[in-house]
ModelCIF file with pLDDT and N, C-alpha, C, O atoms, coordinates in Angstrom:
data_MODEL
#
_entry.id   MODEL 
#
_entity.id                         1 
_entity.type                       polymer 
_entity.pdbx_number_of_molecules   1 
#
_entity_poly.entity_id                      1 
_entity_poly.type                           'polypeptide(L)' 
_entity_poly.nstd_linkage                   no 
_entity_poly.nstd_monomer                   no 
_entity_poly.pdbx_seq_one_letter_code       SNKKKSLLEDFRELRCTIEKMGLLRPDYLFFF 
_entity_poly.pdbx_seq_one_letter_code_can   SNKKKSLLEDFRELRCTIEKMGLLRPDYLFFF 
_entity_poly.pdbx_strand_id                 A 
#
loop_
_entity_poly_seq.entity_id 
_entity_poly_seq.num 
_entity_poly_seq.mon_id 
_entity_poly_seq.hetero 
1 1  SER n 
1 2  ASN n 
1 3  LYS n 
1 4  LYS n 
1 5  LYS n 
1 6  SER n 
1 7  LEU n 
1 8  LEU n 
1 9  GLU n 
1 10 ASP n 
1 11 PHE n 
1 12 ARG n 
1 13 GLU n 
1 14 LEU n 
1 15 ARG n 
1 16 CYS n 
1 17 THR n 
1 18 ILE n 
1 19 GLU n 
1 20 LYS n 
1 21 MET n 
1 22 GLY n 
1 23 LEU n 
1 24 LEU n 
1 25 ARG n 
1 26 PRO n 
1 27 ASP n 
1 28 TYR n 
1 29 LEU n 
1 30 PHE n 
1 31 PHE n 
1 32 PHE n 
#
_struct_asym.id          A 
_struct_asym.entity_id   1 
#
loop_
_ma_qa_metric.id 
_ma_qa_metric.mode 
_ma_qa_metric.name 
_ma_qa_metric.software_group_id 
_ma_qa_metric.type 
1 global pLDDT . pLDDT 
2 local  pLDDT . pLDDT 
#
_ma_qa_metric_global.metric_id      1 
_ma_qa_metric_global.metric_value   86.41 
_ma_qa_metric_global.model_id       1 
_ma_qa_metric_global.ordinal_id     1 
#
loop_
_ma_qa_metric_local.label_asym_id 
_ma_qa_metric_local.label_comp_id 
_ma_qa_metric_local.label_seq_id 
_ma_qa_metric_local.metric_id 
_ma_qa_metric_local.metric_value 
_ma_qa_metric_local.model_id 
_ma_qa_metric_local.ordinal_id 
A SER 1  2 69.00 1 1  
A ASN 2  2 68.00 1 2  
A LYS 3  2 75.00 1 3  
A LYS 4  2 78.00 1 4  
A LYS 5  2 78.00 1 5  
A SER 6  2 83.00 1 6  
A LEU 7  2 83.00 1 7  
A LEU 8  2 81.00 1 8  
A GLU 9  2 85.00 1 9  
A ASP 10 2 89.00 1 10 
A PHE 11 2 86.00 1 11 
A ARG 12 2 86.00 1 12 
A GLU 13 2 91.00 1 13 
A LEU 14 2 91.00 1 14 
A ARG 15 2 88.00 1 15 
A CYS 16 2 90.00 1 16 
A THR 17 2 93.00 1 17 
A ILE 18 2 90.00 1 18 
A GLU 19 2 86.00 1 19 
A LYS 20 2 90.00 1 20 
A MET 21 2 92.00 1 21 
A GLY 22 2 88.00 1 22 
A LEU 23 2 87.00 1 23 
A LEU 24 2 84.00 1 24 
A ARG 25 2 87.00 1 25 
A PRO 26 2 87.00 1 26 
A ASP 27 2 90.00 1 27 
A TYR 28 2 93.00 1 28 
A LEU 29 2 94.00 1 29 
A PHE 30 2 94.00 1 30 
A PHE 31 2 94.00 1 31 
A PHE 32 2 95.00 1 32 
#
loop_
_atom_site.group_PDB 
_atom_site.id 
_atom_site.type_symbol 
_atom_site.label_atom_id 
_atom_site.label_alt_id 
_atom_site.label_comp_id 
_atom_site.label_asym_id 
_atom_site.label_entity_id 
_atom_site.label_seq_id 
_atom_site.pdbx_PDB_ins_code 
_atom_site.Cartn_x 
_atom_site.Cartn_y 
_atom_site.Cartn_z 
_atom_site.occupancy 
_atom_site.B_iso_or_equiv 
_atom_site.pdbx_formal_charge 
_atom_site.auth_seq_id 
_atom_site.auth_comp_id 
_atom_site.auth_asym_id 
_atom_site.auth_atom_id 
_atom_site.pdbx_PDB_model_num 
ATOM 1   N N  . SER A 1 1  ? 21.339  -2.380 5.224   1.00 69.00 ? 1  SER A N  1 
ATOM 2   C CA . SER A 1 1  ? 21.807  -1.912 6.571   1.00 69.00 ? 1  SER A CA 1 
ATOM 3   C C  . SER A 1 1  ? 21.821  -0.606 7.170   1.00 69.00 ? 1  SER A C  1 
ATOM 4   O O  . SER A 1 1  ? 22.030  -0.100 8.273   1.00 69.00 ? 1  SER A O  1 
ATOM 5   N N  . ASN A 1 2  ? 21.435  -0.177 5.705   1.00 68.00 ? 2  ASN A N  1 
ATOM 6   C CA . ASN A 1 2  ? 21.076  1.873  5.739   1.00 68.00 ? 2  ASN A CA 1 
ATOM 7   C C  . ASN A 1 2  ? 19.672  2.105  6.472   1.00 68.00 ? 2  ASN A C  1 
ATOM 8   O O  . ASN A 1 2  ? 19.296  3.081  7.121   1.00 68.00 ? 2  ASN A O  1 
ATOM 9   N N  . LYS A 1 3  ? 18.856  0.626  6.098   1.00 75.00 ? 3  LYS A N  1 
ATOM 10  C CA . LYS A 1 3  ? 18.028  0.210  6.511   1.00 75.00 ? 3  LYS A CA 1 
ATOM 11  C C  . LYS A 1 3  ? 16.654  0.886  7.513   1.00 75.00 ? 3  LYS A C  1 
ATOM 12  O O  . LYS A 1 3  ? 15.619  0.346  7.122   1.00 75.00 ? 3  LYS A O  1 
ATOM 13  N N  . LYS A 1 4  ? 16.477  1.509  8.227   1.00 78.00 ? 4  LYS A N  1 
ATOM 14  C CA . LYS A 1 4  ? 15.135  1.533  9.145   1.00 78.00 ? 4  LYS A CA 1 
ATOM 15  C C  . LYS A 1 4  ? 14.486  -0.382 9.218   1.00 78.00 ? 4  LYS A C  1 
ATOM 16  O O  . LYS A 1 4  ? 14.131  -0.780 8.108   1.00 78.00 ? 4  LYS A O  1 
ATOM 17  N N  . LYS A 1 5  ? 14.354  -1.387 10.320  1.00 78.00 ? 5  LYS A N  1 
ATOM 18  C CA . LYS A 1 5  ? 13.407  -2.372 10.141  1.00 78.00 ? 5  LYS A CA 1 
ATOM 19  C C  . LYS A 1 5  ? 11.692  -2.156 10.407  1.00 78.00 ? 5  LYS A C  1 
ATOM 20  O O  . LYS A 1 5  ? 10.601  -2.691 10.210  1.00 78.00 ? 5  LYS A O  1 
ATOM 21  N N  . SER A 1 6  ? 12.505  -0.669 11.149  1.00 83.00 ? 6  SER A N  1 
ATOM 22  C CA . SER A 1 6  ? 10.620  -0.755 12.467  1.00 83.00 ? 6  SER A CA 1 
ATOM 23  C C  . SER A 1 6  ? 9.530   -0.231 11.121  1.00 83.00 ? 6  SER A C  1 
ATOM 24  O O  . SER A 1 6  ? 8.325   -0.414 10.949  1.00 83.00 ? 6  SER A O  1 
ATOM 25  N N  . LEU A 1 7  ? 11.109  0.857  9.882   1.00 83.00 ? 7  LEU A N  1 
ATOM 26  C CA . LEU A 1 7  ? 10.645  1.367  8.444   1.00 83.00 ? 7  LEU A CA 1 
ATOM 27  C C  . LEU A 1 7  ? 10.087  0.706  7.838   1.00 83.00 ? 7  LEU A C  1 
ATOM 28  O O  . LEU A 1 7  ? 9.050   1.154  7.350   1.00 83.00 ? 7  LEU A O  1 
ATOM 29  N N  . LEU A 1 8  ? 10.477  -0.707 7.546   1.00 81.00 ? 8  LEU A N  1 
ATOM 30  C CA . LEU A 1 8  ? 9.979   -1.263 6.887   1.00 81.00 ? 8  LEU A CA 1 
ATOM 31  C C  . LEU A 1 8  ? 8.967   -1.764 7.102   1.00 81.00 ? 8  LEU A C  1 
ATOM 32  O O  . LEU A 1 8  ? 7.953   -1.542 6.441   1.00 81.00 ? 8  LEU A O  1 
ATOM 33  N N  . GLU A 1 9  ? 9.047   -2.663 8.223   1.00 85.00 ? 9  GLU A N  1 
ATOM 34  C CA . GLU A 1 9  ? 7.613   -2.658 8.682   1.00 85.00 ? 9  GLU A CA 1 
ATOM 35  C C  . GLU A 1 9  ? 6.033   -2.151 8.763   1.00 85.00 ? 9  GLU A C  1 
ATOM 36  O O  . GLU A 1 9  ? 5.028   -2.850 8.891   1.00 85.00 ? 9  GLU A O  1 
ATOM 37  N N  . ASP A 1 10 ? 6.132   -0.805 8.656   1.00 89.00 ? 10 ASP A N  1 
ATOM 38  C CA . ASP A 1 10 ? 5.376   -0.415 8.732   1.00 89.00 ? 10 ASP A CA 1 
ATOM 39  C C  . ASP A 1 10 ? 5.132   0.498  7.817   1.00 89.00 ? 10 ASP A C  1 
ATOM 40  O O  . ASP A 1 10 ? 4.250   1.357  7.858   1.00 89.00 ? 10 ASP A O  1 
ATOM 41  N N  . PHE A 1 11 ? 6.447   0.189  6.422   1.00 86.00 ? 11 PHE A N  1 
ATOM 42  C CA . PHE A 1 11 ? 5.099   -0.001 5.274   1.00 86.00 ? 11 PHE A CA 1 
ATOM 43  C C  . PHE A 1 11 ? 4.611   -1.230 4.863   1.00 86.00 ? 11 PHE A C  1 
ATOM 44  O O  . PHE A 1 11 ? 3.558   -1.402 4.250   1.00 86.00 ? 11 PHE A O  1 
ATOM 45  N N  . ARG A 1 12 ? 5.062   -1.718 5.062   1.00 86.00 ? 12 ARG A N  1 
ATOM 46  C CA . ARG A 1 12 ? 4.606   -3.317 4.467   1.00 86.00 ? 12 ARG A CA 1 
ATOM 47  C C  . ARG A 1 12 ? 2.991   -3.383 5.079   1.00 86.00 ? 12 ARG A C  1 
ATOM 48  O O  . ARG A 1 12 ? 1.928   -3.855 4.677   1.00 86.00 ? 12 ARG A O  1 
ATOM 49  N N  . GLU A 1 13 ? 3.486   -2.571 6.380   1.00 91.00 ? 13 GLU A N  1 
ATOM 50  C CA . GLU A 1 13 ? 2.216   -3.055 7.184   1.00 91.00 ? 13 GLU A CA 1 
ATOM 51  C C  . GLU A 1 13 ? 0.545   -2.232 6.552   1.00 91.00 ? 13 GLU A C  1 
ATOM 52  O O  . GLU A 1 13 ? -0.522  -2.643 6.096   1.00 91.00 ? 13 GLU A O  1 
ATOM 53  N N  . LEU A 1 14 ? 1.031   -1.184 6.810   1.00 91.00 ? 14 LEU A N  1 
ATOM 54  C CA . LEU A 1 14 ? 0.536   0.371  5.515   1.00 91.00 ? 14 LEU A CA 1 
ATOM 55  C C  . LEU A 1 14 ? 0.051   -0.712 3.600   1.00 91.00 ? 14 LEU A C  1 
ATOM 56  O O  . LEU A 1 14 ? -1.149  -0.778 3.334   1.00 91.00 ? 14 LEU A O  1 
ATOM 57  N N  . ARG A 1 15 ? 0.880   -1.257 2.772   1.00 88.00 ? 15 ARG A N  1 
ATOM 58  C CA . ARG A 1 15 ? 0.347   -1.739 1.978   1.00 88.00 ? 15 ARG A CA 1 
ATOM 59  C C  . ARG A 1 15 ? -0.579  -2.829 1.803   1.00 88.00 ? 15 ARG A C  1 
ATOM 60  O O  . ARG A 1 15 ? -1.475  -2.968 0.970   1.00 88.00 ? 15 ARG A O  1 
ATOM 61  N N  . CYS A 1 16 ? -0.275  -3.424 2.549   1.00 90.00 ? 16 CYS A N  1 
ATOM 62  C CA . CYS A 1 16 ? -1.317  -5.176 2.895   1.00 90.00 ? 16 CYS A CA 1 
ATOM 63  C C  . CYS A 1 16 ? -2.682  -4.128 3.596   1.00 90.00 ? 16 CYS A C  1 
ATOM 64  O O  . CYS A 1 16 ? -3.774  -4.693 3.543   1.00 90.00 ? 16 CYS A O  1 
ATOM 65  N N  . THR A 1 17 ? -2.696  -2.766 4.194   1.00 93.00 ? 17 THR A N  1 
ATOM 66  C CA . THR A 1 17 ? -3.570  -2.322 4.900   1.00 93.00 ? 17 THR A CA 1 
ATOM 67  C C  . THR A 1 17 ? -4.562  -2.150 3.192   1.00 93.00 ? 17 THR A C  1 
ATOM 68  O O  . THR A 1 17 ? -5.672  -2.640 2.987   1.00 93.00 ? 17 THR A O  1 
ATOM 69  N N  . ILE A 1 18 ? -3.860  -1.447 2.340   1.00 90.00 ? 18 ILE A N  1 
ATOM 70  C CA . ILE A 1 18 ? -4.243  -0.944 1.513   1.00 90.00 ? 18 ILE A CA 1 
ATOM 71  C C  . ILE A 1 18 ? -4.962  -0.993 0.258   1.00 90.00 ? 18 ILE A C  1 
ATOM 72  O O  . ILE A 1 18 ? -5.593  -0.284 -0.527  1.00 90.00 ? 18 ILE A O  1 
ATOM 73  N N  . GLU A 1 19 ? -4.441  -2.527 0.509   1.00 86.00 ? 19 GLU A N  1 
ATOM 74  C CA . GLU A 1 19 ? -4.563  -3.417 -0.611  1.00 86.00 ? 19 GLU A CA 1 
ATOM 75  C C  . GLU A 1 19 ? -5.894  -4.412 -0.211  1.00 86.00 ? 19 GLU A C  1 
ATOM 76  O O  . GLU A 1 19 ? -6.589  -5.082 -0.975  1.00 86.00 ? 19 GLU A O  1 
ATOM 77  N N  . LYS A 1 20 ? -5.982  -4.269 1.164   1.00 90.00 ? 20 LYS A N  1 
ATOM 78  C CA . LYS A 1 20 ? -7.198  -4.507 1.929   1.00 90.00 ? 20 LYS A CA 1 
ATOM 79  C C  . LYS A 1 20 ? -8.451  -3.433 1.563   1.00 90.00 ? 20 LYS A C  1 
ATOM 80  O O  . LYS A 1 20 ? -9.355  -3.895 0.867   1.00 90.00 ? 20 LYS A O  1 
ATOM 81  N N  . MET A 1 21 ? -8.529  -2.338 1.898   1.00 92.00 ? 21 MET A N  1 
ATOM 82  C CA . MET A 1 21 ? -9.653  -1.707 1.382   1.00 92.00 ? 21 MET A CA 1 
ATOM 83  C C  . MET A 1 21 ? -9.637  -1.602 0.153   1.00 92.00 ? 21 MET A C  1 
ATOM 84  O O  . MET A 1 21 ? -10.795 -1.378 -0.198  1.00 92.00 ? 21 MET A O  1 
ATOM 85  N N  . GLY A 1 22 ? -8.912  -1.641 -0.782  1.00 88.00 ? 22 GLY A N  1 
ATOM 86  C CA . GLY A 1 22 ? -9.547  -2.157 -2.167  1.00 88.00 ? 22 GLY A CA 1 
ATOM 87  C C  . GLY A 1 22 ? -9.205  -0.704 -2.362  1.00 88.00 ? 22 GLY A C  1 
ATOM 88  O O  . GLY A 1 22 ? -10.238 -0.081 -2.606  1.00 88.00 ? 22 GLY A O  1 
ATOM 89  N N  . LEU A 1 23 ? -7.789  0.320  -2.342  1.00 87.00 ? 23 LEU A N  1 
ATOM 90  C CA . LEU A 1 23 ? -7.298  1.266  -2.502  1.00 87.00 ? 23 LEU A CA 1 
ATOM 91  C C  . LEU A 1 23 ? -6.917  1.176  -4.427  1.00 87.00 ? 23 LEU A C  1 
ATOM 92  O O  . LEU A 1 23 ? -7.436  1.922  -5.257  1.00 87.00 ? 23 LEU A O  1 
ATOM 93  N N  . LEU A 1 24 ? -5.936  0.101  -4.723  1.00 84.00 ? 24 LEU A N  1 
ATOM 94  C CA . LEU A 1 24 ? -5.419  -0.059 -5.623  1.00 84.00 ? 24 LEU A CA 1 
ATOM 95  C C  . LEU A 1 24 ? -6.155  -1.187 -6.544  1.00 84.00 ? 24 LEU A C  1 
ATOM 96  O O  . LEU A 1 24 ? -5.646  -1.808 -7.477  1.00 84.00 ? 24 LEU A O  1 
ATOM 97  N N  . ARG A 1 25 ? -8.140  -1.339 -5.794  1.00 87.00 ? 25 ARG A N  1 
ATOM 98  C CA . ARG A 1 25 ? -8.215  -1.424 -7.432  1.00 87.00 ? 25 ARG A CA 1 
ATOM 99  C C  . ARG A 1 25 ? -8.740  -0.610 -8.315  1.00 87.00 ? 25 ARG A C  1 
ATOM 100 O O  . ARG A 1 25 ? -9.592  -0.139 -7.561  1.00 87.00 ? 25 ARG A O  1 
ATOM 101 N N  . PRO A 1 26 ? -8.981  0.136  -9.676  1.00 87.00 ? 26 PRO A N  1 
ATOM 102 C CA . PRO A 1 26 ? -9.421  0.978  -10.930 1.00 87.00 ? 26 PRO A CA 1 
ATOM 103 C C  . PRO A 1 26 ? -10.432 1.327  -10.664 1.00 87.00 ? 26 PRO A C  1 
ATOM 104 O O  . PRO A 1 26 ? -11.362 0.624  -10.269 1.00 87.00 ? 26 PRO A O  1 
ATOM 105 N N  . ASP A 1 27 ? -10.425 2.568  -10.848 1.00 90.00 ? 27 ASP A N  1 
ATOM 106 C CA . ASP A 1 27 ? -11.503 3.453  -11.343 1.00 90.00 ? 27 ASP A CA 1 
ATOM 107 C C  . ASP A 1 27 ? -12.625 2.824  -13.406 1.00 90.00 ? 27 ASP A C  1 
ATOM 108 O O  . ASP A 1 27 ? -12.980 3.208  -14.520 1.00 90.00 ? 27 ASP A O  1 
ATOM 109 N N  . TYR A 1 28 ? -12.611 2.283  -12.945 1.00 93.00 ? 28 TYR A N  1 
ATOM 110 C CA . TYR A 1 28 ? -12.626 2.102  -15.070 1.00 93.00 ? 28 TYR A CA 1 
ATOM 111 C C  . TYR A 1 28 ? -13.737 2.620  -15.656 1.00 93.00 ? 28 TYR A C  1 
ATOM 112 O O  . TYR A 1 28 ? -13.791 2.290  -16.841 1.00 93.00 ? 28 TYR A O  1 
ATOM 113 N N  . LEU A 1 29 ? -15.272 3.770  -15.057 1.00 94.00 ? 29 LEU A N  1 
ATOM 114 C CA . LEU A 1 29 ? -15.008 5.434  -15.219 1.00 94.00 ? 29 LEU A CA 1 
ATOM 115 C C  . LEU A 1 29 ? -14.503 6.566  -15.033 1.00 94.00 ? 29 LEU A C  1 
ATOM 116 O O  . LEU A 1 29 ? -14.249 7.404  -15.898 1.00 94.00 ? 29 LEU A O  1 
ATOM 117 N N  . PHE A 1 30 ? -14.324 6.645  -13.829 1.00 94.00 ? 30 PHE A N  1 
ATOM 118 C CA . PHE A 1 30 ? -13.141 7.601  -14.391 1.00 94.00 ? 30 PHE A CA 1 
ATOM 119 C C  . PHE A 1 30 ? -12.335 7.531  -14.658 1.00 94.00 ? 30 PHE A C  1 
ATOM 120 O O  . PHE A 1 30 ? -11.826 8.651  -14.630 1.00 94.00 ? 30 PHE A O  1 
ATOM 121 N N  . PHE A 1 31 ? -11.339 6.452  -15.156 1.00 94.00 ? 31 PHE A N  1 
ATOM 122 C CA . PHE A 1 31 ? -10.788 6.627  -16.169 1.00 94.00 ? 31 PHE A CA 1 
ATOM 123 C C  . PHE A 1 31 ? -11.664 6.240  -17.597 1.00 94.00 ? 31 PHE A C  1 
ATOM 124 O O  . PHE A 1 31 ? -11.248 5.576  -18.547 1.00 94.00 ? 31 PHE A O  1 
ATOM 125 N N  . PHE A 1 32 ? -12.316 6.547  -17.517 1.00 95.00 ? 32 PHE A N  1 
ATOM 126 C CA . PHE A 1 32 ? -12.980 6.386  -18.901 1.00 95.00 ? 32 PHE A CA 1 
ATOM 127 C C  . PHE A 1 32 ? -13.141 7.694  -19.722 1.00 95.00 ? 32 PHE A C  1 
ATOM 128 O O  . PHE A 1 32 ? -13.660 7.663  -20.838 1.00 95.00 ? 32 PHE A O  1 
#
């Protein structure tokens, strides 16, 4: 009840966008 539904929906949409863009895939050369 203390959270805004629109904010949660925006956050989940942002996460899906980030995953589709491949931004969460690790760069092995960088970490090496």
